[in-house]
C-alpha atoms as a PDB file:
ATOM      1  CA  MET A   1       8.801 -59.578  11.503  1.00  0.00           C
ATOM      2  CA  GLU A   2       5.895 -58.190  13.591  1.00  0.00           C
ATOM      3  CA  PHE A   3       8.165 -55.426  14.882  1.00  0.00           C
ATOM      4  CA  THR A   4       9.121 -54.488  11.308  1.00  0.00           C
ATOM      5  CA  LYS A   5       5.447 -54.140  10.323  1.00  0.00           C
ATOM      6  CA  LEU A   6       4.730 -51.993  13.378  1.00  0.00           C
ATOM      7  CA  ALA A   7       7.771 -49.818  12.756  1.00  0.00           C
ATOM      8  CA  PHE A   8       6.763 -49.380   9.114  1.00  0.00           C
ATOM      9  CA  LEU A   9       3.172 -48.471  10.037  1.00  0.00           C
ATOM     10  CA  GLY A  10       4.451 -46.038  12.643  1.00  0.00           C
ATOM     11  CA  MET A  11       6.710 -44.331  10.115  1.00  0.00           C
ATOM     12  CA  CYS A  12       3.836 -44.092   7.632  1.00  0.00           C
ATOM     13  CA  SER A  13       1.608 -42.527  10.283  1.00  0.00           C
ATOM     14  CA  ILE A  14       4.255 -39.964  11.207  1.00  0.00           C
ATOM     15  CA  THR A  15       4.776 -39.142   7.531  1.00  0.00           C
ATOM     16  CA  LEU A  16       1.052 -38.671   6.943  1.00  0.00           C
ATOM     17  CA  ILE A  17       0.709 -36.477  10.019  1.00  0.00           C
ATOM     18  CA  SER A  18       3.646 -34.285   8.995  1.00  0.00           C
ATOM     19  CA  ILE A  19       2.275 -33.919   5.473  1.00  0.00           C
ATOM     20  CA  HIS A  20      -1.150 -33.002   6.802  1.00  0.00           C
ATOM     21  CA  ILE A  21       0.037 -30.335   9.221  1.00  0.00           C
ATOM     22  CA  SER A  22       2.477 -28.651   6.853  1.00  0.00           C
ATOM     23  CA  PRO A  23       0.652 -25.762   5.148  1.00  0.00           C
ATOM     24  CA  ALA A  24       3.351 -25.496   2.504  1.00  0.00           C
ATOM     25  CA  ASN A  25       2.224 -28.863   1.192  1.00  0.00           C
ATOM     26  CA  ALA A  26      -1.279 -27.596   0.447  1.00  0.00           C
ATOM     27  CA  ASP A  27       0.139 -26.138  -2.778  1.00  0.00           C
ATOM     28  CA  PRO A  28       3.160 -27.930  -4.215  1.00  0.00           C
ATOM     29  CA  LEU A  29       4.527 -24.599  -5.456  1.00  0.00           C
ATOM     30  CA  ALA A  30       4.114 -22.770  -2.127  1.00  0.00           C
ATOM     31  CA  GLU A  31       7.738 -23.164  -1.124  1.00  0.00           C
ATOM     32  CA  GLU A  32       8.894 -21.867  -4.513  1.00  0.00           C
ATOM     33  CA  TYR A  33       6.734 -18.737  -4.218  1.00  0.00           C
ATOM     34  CA  VAL A  34       7.911 -18.017  -0.673  1.00  0.00           C
ATOM     35  CA  LYS A  35      11.575 -18.634  -1.489  1.00  0.00           C
ATOM     36  CA  ALA A  36      11.421 -16.372  -4.556  1.00  0.00           C
ATOM     37  CA  HIS A  37       9.826 -13.523  -2.597  1.00  0.00           C
ATOM     38  CA  ASN A  38      12.197 -13.837   0.336  1.00  0.00           C
ATOM     39  CA  LYS A  39      15.227 -13.697  -1.952  1.00  0.00           C
ATOM     40  CA  TYR A  40      14.307 -10.120  -2.910  1.00  0.00           C
ATOM     41  CA  ARG A  41      13.154  -9.163   0.573  1.00  0.00           C
ATOM     42  CA  ALA A  42      16.522 -10.245   2.011  1.00  0.00           C
ATOM     43  CA  VAL A  43      18.325  -7.804  -0.301  1.00  0.00           C
ATOM     44  CA  GLU A  44      16.424  -4.965   1.402  1.00  0.00           C
ATOM     45  CA  ASN A  45      16.829  -6.470   4.905  1.00  0.00           C
ATOM     46  CA  VAL A  46      13.072  -6.965   5.117  1.00  0.00           C
ATOM     47  CA  PRO A  47      11.718  -9.878   7.213  1.00  0.00           C
ATOM     48  CA  PRO A  48      10.700 -12.959   5.229  1.00  0.00           C
ATOM     49  CA  LEU A  49       7.139 -13.731   4.198  1.00  0.00           C
ATOM     50  CA  SER A  50       5.315 -16.855   5.359  1.00  0.00           C
ATOM     51  CA  TRP A  51       2.790 -18.857   3.353  1.00  0.00           C
ATOM     52  CA  ASP A  52      -0.808 -18.338   4.415  1.00  0.00           C
ATOM     53  CA  GLU A  53      -3.408 -20.875   3.336  1.00  0.00           C
ATOM     54  CA  THR A  54      -6.320 -18.430   3.689  1.00  0.00           C
ATOM     55  CA  VAL A  55      -4.582 -15.938   1.410  1.00  0.00           C
ATOM     56  CA  ALA A  56      -3.641 -18.770  -0.973  1.00  0.00           C
ATOM     57  CA  ASN A  57      -7.265 -19.918  -1.153  1.00  0.00           C
ATOM     58  CA  TYR A  58      -8.286 -16.390  -2.096  1.00  0.00           C
ATOM     59  CA  ALA A  59      -5.592 -16.386  -4.813  1.00  0.00           C
ATOM     60  CA  LYS A  60      -6.731 -19.804  -6.096  1.00  0.00           C
ATOM     61  CA  LYS A  61     -10.342 -18.720  -6.356  1.00  0.00           C
ATOM     62  CA  TYR A  62      -9.407 -15.568  -8.239  1.00  0.00           C
ATOM     63  CA  ALA A  63      -6.948 -17.351 -10.541  1.00  0.00           C
ATOM     64  CA  LYS A  64      -9.601 -19.921 -11.458  1.00  0.00           C
ATOM     65  CA  SER A  65     -11.927 -17.079 -12.448  1.00  0.00           C
ATOM     66  CA  LYS A  66      -9.290 -15.926 -14.964  1.00  0.00           C
ATOM     67  CA  ALA A  67      -8.657 -19.327 -16.594  1.00  0.00           C
ATOM     68  CA  GLU A  68     -11.051 -18.576 -19.440  1.00  0.00           C
ATOM     69  CA  THR A  69      -9.326 -15.409 -20.679  1.00  0.00           C
ATOM     70  CA  CYS A  70      -6.102 -14.890 -18.697  1.00  0.00           C
ATOM     71  CA  GLU A  71      -7.218 -11.257 -18.427  1.00  0.00           C
ATOM     72  CA  MET A  72      -4.826  -9.141 -16.366  1.00  0.00           C
ATOM     73  CA  VAL A  73      -7.321  -7.417 -14.093  1.00  0.00           C
ATOM     74  CA  HIS A  74      -6.826  -6.986 -10.351  1.00  0.00           C
ATOM     75  CA  SER A  75      -9.327  -8.560  -7.990  1.00  0.00           C
ATOM     76  CA  ASP A  76      -9.755  -5.395  -5.900  1.00  0.00           C
ATOM     77  CA  GLY A  77      -9.936  -7.657  -2.864  1.00  0.00           C
ATOM     78  CA  PRO A  78      -8.722  -7.248   0.714  1.00  0.00           C
ATOM     79  CA  TYR A  79      -5.096  -8.182  -0.011  1.00  0.00           C
ATOM     80  CA  GLY A  80      -2.155  -6.672  -1.818  1.00  0.00           C
ATOM     81  CA  GLU A  81      -1.799  -8.288  -5.226  1.00  0.00           C
ATOM     82  CA  CYS A  82       0.668  -8.895  -8.026  1.00  0.00           C
ATOM     83  CA  LEU A  83      -0.365 -10.494 -11.316  1.00  0.00           C
ATOM     84  CA  ALA A  84       1.682 -12.078 -14.079  1.00  0.00           C
ATOM     85  CA  MET A  85       0.825 -13.729 -17.346  1.00  0.00           C
ATOM     86  CA  GLY A  86       3.005 -15.642 -19.719  1.00  0.00           C
ATOM     87  CA  SER A  87       2.468 -17.389 -23.019  1.00  0.00           C
ATOM     88  CA  TYR A  88       4.289 -20.410 -21.573  1.00  0.00           C
ATOM     89  CA  ASN A  89       4.246 -22.425 -18.348  1.00  0.00           C
ATOM     90  CA  MET A  90       5.657 -19.651 -16.151  1.00  0.00           C
ATOM     91  CA  LYS A  91       7.373 -20.749 -12.941  1.00  0.00           C
ATOM     92  CA  PRO A  92       6.858 -19.027  -9.568  1.00  0.00           C
ATOM     93  CA  ALA A  93      10.393 -17.606  -9.526  1.00  0.00           C
ATOM     94  CA  GLU A  94       9.917 -16.139 -13.007  1.00  0.00           C
ATOM     95  CA  ALA A  95       6.747 -14.299 -11.983  1.00  0.00           C
ATOM     96  CA  VAL A  96       8.333 -12.911  -8.818  1.00  0.00           C
ATOM     97  CA  LYS A  97      11.404 -11.848 -10.812  1.00  0.00           C
ATOM     98  CA  LEU A  98       9.181  -9.889 -13.223  1.00  0.00           C
ATOM     99  CA  TRP A  99       7.813  -7.934 -10.275  1.00  0.00           C
ATOM    100  CA  ALA A 100      11.160  -7.541  -8.511  1.00  0.00           C
ATOM    101  CA  ASP A 101      12.828  -6.292 -11.697  1.00  0.00           C
ATOM    102  CA  GLU A 102      10.772  -3.103 -11.332  1.00  0.00           C
ATOM    103  CA  LYS A 103      13.277  -2.112  -8.635  1.00  0.00           C
ATOM    104  CA  LYS A 104      15.325  -0.312 -11.286  1.00  0.00           C
ATOM    105  CA  TYR A 105      12.468   2.185 -11.673  1.00  0.00           C
ATOM    106  CA  TYR A 106      11.978   2.829  -7.967  1.00  0.00           C
ATOM    107  CA  ASP A 107      13.746   5.647  -6.096  1.00  0.00           C
ATOM    108  CA  HIS A 108      13.615   4.882  -2.383  1.00  0.00           C
ATOM    109  CA  ALA A 109      14.828   8.334  -1.308  1.00  0.00           C
ATOM    110  CA  SER A 110      11.881  10.089  -2.959  1.00  0.00           C
ATOM    111  CA  ASN A 111       9.539   7.074  -2.761  1.00  0.00           C
ATOM    112  CA  THR A 112       8.679   7.514  -6.428  1.00  0.00           C
ATOM    113  CA  CYS A 113       8.684   5.528  -9.624  1.00  0.00           C
ATOM    114  CA  ALA A 114      10.434   6.752 -12.775  1.00  0.00           C
ATOM    115  CA  GLU A 115       8.097   8.627 -15.096  1.00  0.00           C
ATOM    116  CA  GLY A 116       6.188   6.298 -17.387  1.00  0.00           C
ATOM    117  CA  GLN A 117       7.313   3.185 -15.499  1.00  0.00           C
ATOM    118  CA  VAL A 118       5.658   0.743 -13.123  1.00  0.00           C
ATOM    119  CA  CYS A 119       7.195  -0.172  -9.785  1.00  0.00           C
ATOM    120  CA  GLY A 120       4.245  -1.004  -7.510  1.00  0.00           C
ATOM    121  CA  HIS A 121       4.741  -4.733  -7.919  1.00  0.00           C
ATOM    122  CA  TYR A 122       8.307  -4.430  -6.659  1.00  0.00           C
ATOM    123  CA  THR A 123       7.254  -2.327  -3.686  1.00  0.00           C
ATOM    124  CA  GLN A 124       4.568  -4.879  -2.781  1.00  0.00           C
ATOM    125  CA  VAL A 125       7.055  -7.758  -2.967  1.00  0.00           C
ATOM    126  CA  VAL A 126       9.345  -5.981  -0.485  1.00  0.00           C
ATOM    127  CA  TRP A 127       6.653  -4.229   1.600  1.00  0.00           C
ATOM    128  CA  GLU A 128       7.992  -4.642   5.130  1.00  0.00           C
ATOM    129  CA  LYS A 129       4.607  -4.713   6.865  1.00  0.00           C
ATOM    130  CA  SER A 130       3.348  -7.531   4.628  1.00  0.00           C
ATOM    131  CA  THR A 131       4.028 -10.753   6.517  1.00  0.00           C
ATOM    132  CA  HIS A 132       2.088 -13.420   4.608  1.00  0.00           C
ATOM    133  CA  VAL A 133       1.703 -14.446   0.998  1.00  0.00           C
ATOM    134  CA  GLY A 134      -0.520 -16.829  -0.906  1.00  0.00           C
ATOM    135  CA  CYS A 135      -0.252 -17.472  -4.632  1.00  0.00           C
ATOM    136  CA  ALA A 136      -1.942 -19.466  -7.350  1.00  0.00           C
ATOM    137  CA  LYS A 137      -1.340 -20.383 -10.952  1.00  0.00           C
ATOM    138  CA  VAL A 138      -3.741 -21.504 -13.671  1.00  0.00           C
ATOM    139  CA  HIS A 139      -3.275 -22.580 -17.251  1.00  0.00           C
ATOM    140  CA  CYS A 140      -5.593 -20.521 -19.405  1.00  0.00           C
ATOM    141  CA  LYS A 141      -7.643 -21.754 -22.322  1.00  0.00           C
ATOM    142  CA  ASN A 142      -5.581 -19.546 -24.645  1.00  0.00           C
ATOM    143  CA  GLY A 143      -2.461 -21.527 -23.709  1.00  0.00           C
ATOM    144  CA  GLY A 144      -1.067 -18.915 -21.352  1.00  0.00           C
ATOM    145  CA  THR A 145      -0.345 -19.037 -17.644  1.00  0.00           C
ATOM    146  CA  PHE A 146      -1.910 -16.673 -15.107  1.00  0.00           C
ATOM    147  CA  ILE A 147      -0.251 -16.191 -11.711  1.00  0.00           C
ATOM    148  CA  THR A 148      -1.511 -14.145  -8.806  1.00  0.00           C
ATOM    149  CA  CYS A 149       0.187 -13.557  -5.474  1.00  0.00           C
ATOM    150  CA  ASN A 150      -1.692 -11.889  -2.650  1.00  0.00           C
ATOM    151  CA  TYR A 151      -0.188 -10.242   0.424  1.00  0.00           C
ATOM    152  CA  ASP A 152      -1.431  -9.776   3.971  1.00  0.00           C
ATOM    153  CA  PRO A 153      -1.444  -7.158   5.207  1.00  0.00           C
ATOM    154  CA  PRO A 154      -1.480  -5.321   1.880  1.00  0.00           C
ATOM    155  CA  GLY A 155       1.155  -2.770   0.978  1.00  0.00           C
ATOM    156  CA  ASN A 156       1.547   0.211  -1.312  1.00  0.00           C
ATOM    157  CA  TYR A 157      -0.020   2.834   0.909  1.00  0.00           C
ATOM    158  CA  ILE A 158       0.294   6.319  -0.561  1.00  0.00           C
ATOM    159  CA  GLY A 159       3.003   8.304   1.180  1.00  0.00           C
ATOM    160  CA  GLU A 160       4.552   5.260   2.894  1.00  0.00           C
ATOM    161  CA  LYS A 161       7.854   3.727   1.905  1.00  0.00           C
ATOM    162  CA  PRO A 162       7.964  -0.053   1.520  1.00  0.00           C
ATOM    163  CA  PHE A 163      10.832  -0.392   4.030  1.00  0.00           C
END
C-alpha cells in the first residue's frame, strides 16, 4: 500500500511539472490558435508558428482593453497583428479562417491585393519570417467576441512577399 501511495504521488508530481513547463497550457486555446495558423501555412510550404507566451501576454493585455467596446482598432504595437470580432462566441479556428480566406484576393506574382479588397491579414498569417504567435480572446460587454493574434517578428513589409 505504501508503494501505491508513493507511485501515485510521483505521478502527480510529474503531471504538475509537465503542466507547469508547457507554455501551450498557459492559455487553453493556444494549441487551437497554433494549429489553425499552421494549417494555412502548410499550404504555402511555410514553416509552422510556435506559441510565444510573451507575445500572448501582449495580446491578452490589448484584448482586455477592448472588452468594453469590442472596437476593431489595431494596437500599433511591436508585433504583427490580426483582429477579428464576432457577435457570437467565435472560436480560434473561425478567426484564423476569416483572415486566411483573404487569400482569394491576393496575387502572389505581383504581390498585390485585388482592388477594393483586403488581404493583409492573410499575408500576415502566412508570413514566412514570422515564427511565433500569441493570441487572446475576450467577451465584450456588447455580447460580441474580440480576438487578436500577434506575430513575432511582424510581417507585411512593403515590397516584400510573404513567402
